[in-house]
């Protein structure tokens, strides 16, 4: 296990980063009026998005490198009586990690940035499926961090896929108090 994953394990073990198990915007909007299907929650952490989706009838594959986060997810799912979540510990940044092709009705990426995953997300969403994301974005010219999107980067990437953008907002984070960087929020539809 590398230091990056170990630090997340420590945070989850202390009960941090749970966000009261409330989903990030724009997840509720992304699934409003959409028949439940198979969702992928990338970097699921303690599972707040997976729990939200499973509670609305979605089958969810929840992936994260932190076993402590996945333990929190399992505990909360048991407490709620929530079924339909398959959680797996995987290093999303490992060489050789791949997502299945056209397998998911919804792919979620909330507050996790590993740019090589974008090409896989593009291929993993079924035609007619959706991609929902909220990812930190650089808002100050002097911010240097590989985990920050450049302004407009997420929107431009999805436009290059020729997908329909249903929602886009960029600026001060929607989860004020949790994050000190700006946020890019996106809901996109893969054409049939």
C-alpha atoms as a PDB file:
ATOM      1  CA  UNK A   1       0.000   0.000   0.000  1.00  0.00           C
ATOM      2  CA  UNK A   2       1.367   3.409  -0.848  1.00  0.00           C
ATOM      3  CA  UNK A   3       1.350   6.475   1.400  1.00  0.00           C
ATOM      4  CA  UNK A   4      -1.507   8.078  -0.517  1.00  0.00           C
ATOM      5  CA  UNK A   5      -3.899   5.218   0.272  1.00  0.00           C
ATOM      6  CA  UNK A   6      -2.555   4.878   3.822  1.00  0.00           C
ATOM      7  CA  UNK A   7      -3.417   8.538   4.497  1.00  0.00           C
ATOM      8  CA  UNK A   8      -6.987   7.959   3.309  1.00  0.00           C
ATOM      9  CA  UNK A   9      -7.252   4.849   5.488  1.00  0.00           C
ATOM     10  CA  UNK A  10      -6.206   6.956   8.479  1.00  0.00           C
ATOM     11  CA  UNK A  11      -8.790   9.657   7.692  1.00  0.00           C
ATOM     12  CA  UNK A  12     -11.643   7.176   7.376  1.00  0.00           C
ATOM     13  CA  UNK A  13     -10.532   5.322  10.526  1.00  0.00           C
ATOM     14  CA  UNK A  14     -10.794   8.640  12.412  1.00  0.00           C
ATOM     15  CA  UNK A  15     -14.301   9.199  10.998  1.00  0.00           C
ATOM     16  CA  UNK A  16     -13.225  12.031   8.694  1.00  0.00           C
ATOM     17  CA  UNK A  17     -14.405  12.575   5.111  1.00  0.00           C
ATOM     18  CA  UNK A  18     -17.821  11.010   5.777  1.00  0.00           C
ATOM     19  CA  UNK A  19     -19.787  14.172   4.888  1.00  0.00           C
ATOM     20  CA  UNK A  20     -22.709  12.766   6.933  1.00  0.00           C
ATOM     21  CA  UNK A  21     -23.102  10.282   4.051  1.00  0.00           C
ATOM     22  CA  UNK A  22     -24.872  13.011   2.045  1.00  0.00           C
ATOM     23  CA  UNK A  23     -24.299  12.891  -1.724  1.00  0.00           C
ATOM     24  CA  UNK A  24     -22.474  15.629  -3.584  1.00  0.00           C
ATOM     25  CA  UNK A  25     -24.319  17.836  -5.954  1.00  0.00           C
ATOM     26  CA  UNK A  26     -25.027  17.174  -8.800  1.00  0.00           C
ATOM     27  CA  UNK A  27     -25.761  13.465  -8.188  1.00  0.00           C
ATOM     28  CA  UNK A  28     -29.446  13.860  -7.305  1.00  0.00           C
ATOM     29  CA  UNK A  29     -29.992  15.923 -10.463  1.00  0.00           C
ATOM     30  CA  UNK A  30     -28.100  13.365 -12.572  1.00  0.00           C
ATOM     31  CA  UNK A  31     -30.510  10.552 -11.662  1.00  0.00           C
ATOM     32  CA  UNK A  32     -33.750  12.516 -11.379  1.00  0.00           C
ATOM     33  CA  UNK A  33     -36.324  10.854 -13.632  1.00  0.00           C
ATOM     34  CA  UNK A  34     -33.817   8.193 -14.763  1.00  0.00           C
ATOM     35  CA  UNK A  35     -34.696   4.508 -14.383  1.00  0.00           C
ATOM     36  CA  UNK A  36     -32.188   2.822 -12.057  1.00  0.00           C
ATOM     37  CA  UNK A  37     -29.533   0.718 -13.751  1.00  0.00           C
ATOM     38  CA  UNK A  38     -25.907  -0.139 -13.093  1.00  0.00           C
ATOM     39  CA  UNK A  39     -23.740   2.650 -11.674  1.00  0.00           C
ATOM     40  CA  UNK A  40     -20.017   2.908 -11.062  1.00  0.00           C
ATOM     41  CA  UNK A  41     -18.818   5.039  -8.151  1.00  0.00           C
ATOM     42  CA  UNK A  42     -15.114   5.754  -8.718  1.00  0.00           C
ATOM     43  CA  UNK A  43     -13.073   6.584  -5.617  1.00  0.00           C
ATOM     44  CA  UNK A  44     -16.179   5.941  -3.540  1.00  0.00           C
ATOM     45  CA  UNK A  45     -14.483   6.586  -0.200  1.00  0.00           C
ATOM     46  CA  UNK A  46     -16.940   5.841   2.617  1.00  0.00           C
ATOM     47  CA  UNK A  47     -19.694   5.370   0.049  1.00  0.00           C
ATOM     48  CA  UNK A  48     -21.987   8.367   0.340  1.00  0.00           C
ATOM     49  CA  UNK A  49     -22.774   8.329  -3.400  1.00  0.00           C
ATOM     50  CA  UNK A  50     -23.088   4.538  -3.635  1.00  0.00           C
ATOM     51  CA  UNK A  51     -25.487   4.547  -0.663  1.00  0.00           C
ATOM     52  CA  UNK A  52     -27.568   7.325  -2.214  1.00  0.00           C
ATOM     53  CA  UNK A  53     -27.850   5.442  -5.504  1.00  0.00           C
ATOM     54  CA  UNK A  54     -28.516   2.020  -3.969  1.00  0.00           C
ATOM     55  CA  UNK A  55     -31.219   3.587  -1.805  1.00  0.00           C
ATOM     56  CA  UNK A  56     -32.951   4.589  -5.045  1.00  0.00           C
ATOM     57  CA  UNK A  57     -32.799   1.144  -6.634  1.00  0.00           C
ATOM     58  CA  UNK A  58     -29.489   1.339  -8.497  1.00  0.00           C
ATOM     59  CA  UNK A  59     -27.030  -1.540  -8.538  1.00  0.00           C
ATOM     60  CA  UNK A  60     -23.665   0.017  -7.717  1.00  0.00           C
ATOM     61  CA  UNK A  61     -20.077  -1.013  -8.173  1.00  0.00           C
ATOM     62  CA  UNK A  62     -18.100   1.052  -5.667  1.00  0.00           C
ATOM     63  CA  UNK A  63     -14.322   1.201  -6.104  1.00  0.00           C
ATOM     64  CA  UNK A  64     -11.723   2.723  -3.817  1.00  0.00           C
ATOM     65  CA  UNK A  65      -8.155   2.112  -2.696  1.00  0.00           C
ATOM     66  CA  UNK A  66      -8.977   2.610   0.980  1.00  0.00           C
ATOM     67  CA  UNK A  67     -10.100  -0.510   2.808  1.00  0.00           C
ATOM     68  CA  UNK A  68     -11.018   1.669   5.804  1.00  0.00           C
ATOM     69  CA  UNK A  69     -13.344   3.710   3.558  1.00  0.00           C
ATOM     70  CA  UNK A  70     -14.930   0.546   2.196  1.00  0.00           C
ATOM     71  CA  UNK A  71     -15.378  -0.720   5.770  1.00  0.00           C
ATOM     72  CA  UNK A  72     -17.267   2.511   6.575  1.00  0.00           C
ATOM     73  CA  UNK A  73     -19.420   1.930   3.485  1.00  0.00           C
ATOM     74  CA  UNK A  74     -20.218  -1.645   4.559  1.00  0.00           C
ATOM     75  CA  UNK A  75     -21.094  -0.526   8.111  1.00  0.00           C
ATOM     76  CA  UNK A  76     -23.412   2.230   6.892  1.00  0.00           C
ATOM     77  CA  UNK A  77     -25.073  -0.031   4.295  1.00  0.00           C
ATOM     78  CA  UNK A  78     -25.725  -2.600   7.032  1.00  0.00           C
ATOM     79  CA  UNK A  79     -27.076   0.085   9.382  1.00  0.00           C
ATOM     80  CA  UNK A  80     -29.458   1.319   6.666  1.00  0.00           C
ATOM     81  CA  UNK A  81     -30.362  -2.133   5.375  1.00  0.00           C
ATOM     82  CA  UNK A  82     -29.161  -1.082   1.941  1.00  0.00           C
ATOM     83  CA  UNK A  83     -28.430  -3.795  -0.609  1.00  0.00           C
ATOM     84  CA  UNK A  84     -27.164  -3.625  -4.171  1.00  0.00           C
ATOM     85  CA  UNK A  85     -23.625  -2.364  -3.597  1.00  0.00           C
ATOM     86  CA  UNK A  86     -20.598  -4.364  -4.705  1.00  0.00           C
ATOM     87  CA  UNK A  87     -17.558  -2.698  -3.140  1.00  0.00           C
ATOM     88  CA  UNK A  88     -13.995  -3.533  -4.166  1.00  0.00           C
ATOM     89  CA  UNK A  89     -10.612  -2.287  -3.051  1.00  0.00           C
ATOM     90  CA  UNK A  90      -8.597  -1.260  -6.098  1.00  0.00           C
ATOM     91  CA  UNK A  91      -5.890   1.284  -6.807  1.00  0.00           C
ATOM     92  CA  UNK A  92      -7.497   3.437  -9.496  1.00  0.00           C
ATOM     93  CA  UNK A  93      -4.099   4.879 -10.391  1.00  0.00           C
ATOM     94  CA  UNK A  94      -2.364   1.507 -10.855  1.00  0.00           C
ATOM     95  CA  UNK A  95      -0.923   0.623 -14.236  1.00  0.00           C
ATOM     96  CA  UNK A  96      -3.166  -1.942 -15.852  1.00  0.00           C
ATOM     97  CA  UNK A  97      -6.375  -0.825 -14.105  1.00  0.00           C
ATOM     98  CA  UNK A  98      -9.175  -0.899 -16.676  1.00  0.00           C
ATOM     99  CA  UNK A  99     -12.919  -0.417 -16.723  1.00  0.00           C
ATOM    100  CA  UNK A 100     -15.233  -2.621 -18.792  1.00  0.00           C
ATOM    101  CA  UNK A 101     -16.499  -1.202 -22.078  1.00  0.00           C
ATOM    102  CA  UNK A 102     -20.034   0.245 -22.294  1.00  0.00           C
ATOM    103  CA  UNK A 103     -21.000  -1.423 -19.016  1.00  0.00           C
ATOM    104  CA  UNK A 104     -22.543   1.366 -16.925  1.00  0.00           C
ATOM    105  CA  UNK A 105     -25.693   3.448 -17.089  1.00  0.00           C
ATOM    106  CA  UNK A 106     -24.002   5.994 -14.819  1.00  0.00           C
ATOM    107  CA  UNK A 107     -20.381   6.665 -13.907  1.00  0.00           C
ATOM    108  CA  UNK A 108     -19.705   8.954 -10.929  1.00  0.00           C
ATOM    109  CA  UNK A 109     -16.428  10.700 -10.238  1.00  0.00           C
ATOM    110  CA  UNK A 110     -16.642  12.959  -7.207  1.00  0.00           C
ATOM    111  CA  UNK A 111     -13.541  14.730  -5.967  1.00  0.00           C
ATOM    112  CA  UNK A 112     -11.040  12.338  -7.515  1.00  0.00           C
ATOM    113  CA  UNK A 113      -8.729  13.322 -10.341  1.00  0.00           C
ATOM    114  CA  UNK A 114      -6.537  10.895 -12.215  1.00  0.00           C
ATOM    115  CA  UNK A 115      -6.604  12.146 -15.791  1.00  0.00           C
ATOM    116  CA  UNK A 116      -5.880   8.760 -17.448  1.00  0.00           C
ATOM    117  CA  UNK A 117      -9.263   7.558 -16.112  1.00  0.00           C
ATOM    118  CA  UNK A 118     -11.170   9.985 -18.317  1.00  0.00           C
ATOM    119  CA  UNK A 119     -10.560   7.911 -21.452  1.00  0.00           C
ATOM    120  CA  UNK A 120     -11.825   4.856 -19.590  1.00  0.00           C
ATOM    121  CA  UNK A 121     -14.895   6.691 -18.280  1.00  0.00           C
ATOM    122  CA  UNK A 122     -15.639   7.726 -21.871  1.00  0.00           C
ATOM    123  CA  UNK A 123     -15.639   4.072 -22.947  1.00  0.00           C
ATOM    124  CA  UNK A 124     -17.308   2.645 -19.806  1.00  0.00           C
ATOM    125  CA  UNK A 125     -20.592   4.590 -20.068  1.00  0.00           C
ATOM    126  CA  UNK A 126     -23.266   2.822 -22.133  1.00  0.00           C
ATOM    127  CA  UNK A 127     -24.844   4.723 -25.029  1.00  0.00           C
ATOM    128  CA  UNK A 128     -27.681   6.671 -23.429  1.00  0.00           C
ATOM    129  CA  UNK A 129     -25.864   6.615 -20.069  1.00  0.00           C
ATOM    130  CA  UNK A 130     -24.586   9.468 -17.967  1.00  0.00           C
ATOM    131  CA  UNK A 131     -21.399  10.768 -16.402  1.00  0.00           C
ATOM    132  CA  UNK A 132     -21.726  12.815 -13.207  1.00  0.00           C
ATOM    133  CA  UNK A 133     -18.751  14.557 -11.654  1.00  0.00           C
ATOM    134  CA  UNK A 134     -17.667  17.230  -9.231  1.00  0.00           C
ATOM    135  CA  UNK A 135     -13.897  17.727  -9.221  1.00  0.00           C
ATOM    136  CA  UNK A 136     -11.699  20.420  -7.726  1.00  0.00           C
ATOM    137  CA  UNK A 137     -10.544  23.096 -10.140  1.00  0.00           C
ATOM    138  CA  UNK A 138      -7.744  25.607  -9.901  1.00  0.00           C
ATOM    139  CA  UNK A 139      -9.175  29.028  -9.118  1.00  0.00           C
ATOM    140  CA  UNK A 140      -5.979  30.899  -8.274  1.00  0.00           C
ATOM    141  CA  UNK A 141      -3.254  31.365 -10.914  1.00  0.00           C
ATOM    142  CA  UNK A 142      -0.530  30.323  -8.479  1.00  0.00           C
ATOM    143  CA  UNK A 143      -2.185  27.073  -7.334  1.00  0.00           C
ATOM    144  CA  UNK A 144       0.009  24.116  -8.290  1.00  0.00           C
ATOM    145  CA  UNK A 145      -1.556  20.736  -7.634  1.00  0.00           C
ATOM    146  CA  UNK A 146      -1.899  17.710  -9.922  1.00  0.00           C
ATOM    147  CA  UNK A 147      -5.263  16.985  -8.284  1.00  0.00           C
ATOM    148  CA  UNK A 148      -6.813  20.204  -9.609  1.00  0.00           C
ATOM    149  CA  UNK A 149      -8.441  20.579 -13.000  1.00  0.00           C
ATOM    150  CA  UNK A 150      -7.586  23.600 -15.082  1.00  0.00           C
ATOM    151  CA  UNK A 151     -10.473  26.052 -15.558  1.00  0.00           C
ATOM    152  CA  UNK A 152     -12.773  24.709 -18.286  1.00  0.00           C
ATOM    153  CA  UNK A 153     -10.836  21.428 -18.563  1.00  0.00           C
ATOM    154  CA  UNK A 154     -13.688  19.074 -17.616  1.00  0.00           C
ATOM    155  CA  UNK A 155     -16.216  20.796 -19.867  1.00  0.00           C
ATOM    156  CA  UNK A 156     -13.815  20.855 -22.825  1.00  0.00           C
ATOM    157  CA  UNK A 157     -12.939  17.197 -22.342  1.00  0.00           C
ATOM    158  CA  UNK A 158     -16.571  16.079 -22.398  1.00  0.00           C
ATOM    159  CA  UNK A 159     -17.336  18.334 -25.370  1.00  0.00           C
ATOM    160  CA  UNK A 160     -14.484  16.594 -27.209  1.00  0.00           C
ATOM    161  CA  UNK A 161     -16.383  13.324 -26.690  1.00  0.00           C
ATOM    162  CA  UNK A 162     -19.422  14.856 -28.483  1.00  0.00           C
ATOM    163  CA  UNK A 163     -21.610  14.181 -25.462  1.00  0.00           C
ATOM    164  CA  UNK A 164     -24.527  16.372 -24.442  1.00  0.00           C
ATOM    165  CA  UNK A 165     -23.805  18.431 -21.326  1.00  0.00           C
ATOM    166  CA  UNK A 166     -26.949  18.552 -19.200  1.00  0.00           C
ATOM    167  CA  UNK A 167     -25.436  20.570 -16.347  1.00  0.00           C
ATOM    168  CA  UNK A 168     -22.181  22.421 -15.877  1.00  0.00           C
ATOM    169  CA  UNK A 169     -21.077  24.787 -13.165  1.00  0.00           C
ATOM    170  CA  UNK A 170     -17.604  25.881 -12.255  1.00  0.00           C
ATOM    171  CA  UNK A 171     -16.409  28.078  -9.446  1.00  0.00           C
ATOM    172  CA  UNK A 172     -16.675  28.127  -5.688  1.00  0.00           C
ATOM    173  CA  UNK A 173     -17.314  24.590  -4.418  1.00  0.00           C
ATOM    174  CA  UNK A 174     -20.914  23.548  -3.989  1.00  0.00           C
ATOM    175  CA  UNK A 175     -20.077  21.866  -0.689  1.00  0.00           C
ATOM    176  CA  UNK A 176     -18.968  25.013   1.082  1.00  0.00           C
ATOM    177  CA  UNK A 177     -16.972  24.266   4.176  1.00  0.00           C
ATOM    178  CA  UNK A 178     -15.749  20.890   2.958  1.00  0.00           C
ATOM    179  CA  UNK A 179     -13.464  22.055   0.198  1.00  0.00           C
ATOM    180  CA  UNK A 180     -11.217  25.072  -0.130  1.00  0.00           C
ATOM    181  CA  UNK A 181     -10.752  24.836  -3.905  1.00  0.00           C
ATOM    182  CA  UNK A 182     -13.177  25.699  -6.638  1.00  0.00           C
ATOM    183  CA  UNK A 183     -15.243  22.905  -8.146  1.00  0.00           C
ATOM    184  CA  UNK A 184     -16.292  21.897 -11.644  1.00  0.00           C
ATOM    185  CA  UNK A 185     -19.675  20.110 -11.594  1.00  0.00           C
ATOM    186  CA  UNK A 186     -20.885  18.220 -14.624  1.00  0.00           C
ATOM    187  CA  UNK A 187     -23.682  15.953 -15.788  1.00  0.00           C
ATOM    188  CA  UNK A 188     -23.242  14.627 -19.324  1.00  0.00           C
ATOM    189  CA  UNK A 189     -25.246  12.242 -21.495  1.00  0.00           C
ATOM    190  CA  UNK A 190     -23.616   9.816 -23.923  1.00  0.00           C
ATOM    191  CA  UNK A 191     -25.635   9.830 -27.154  1.00  0.00           C
ATOM    192  CA  UNK A 192     -27.373   6.651 -28.269  1.00  0.00           C
END
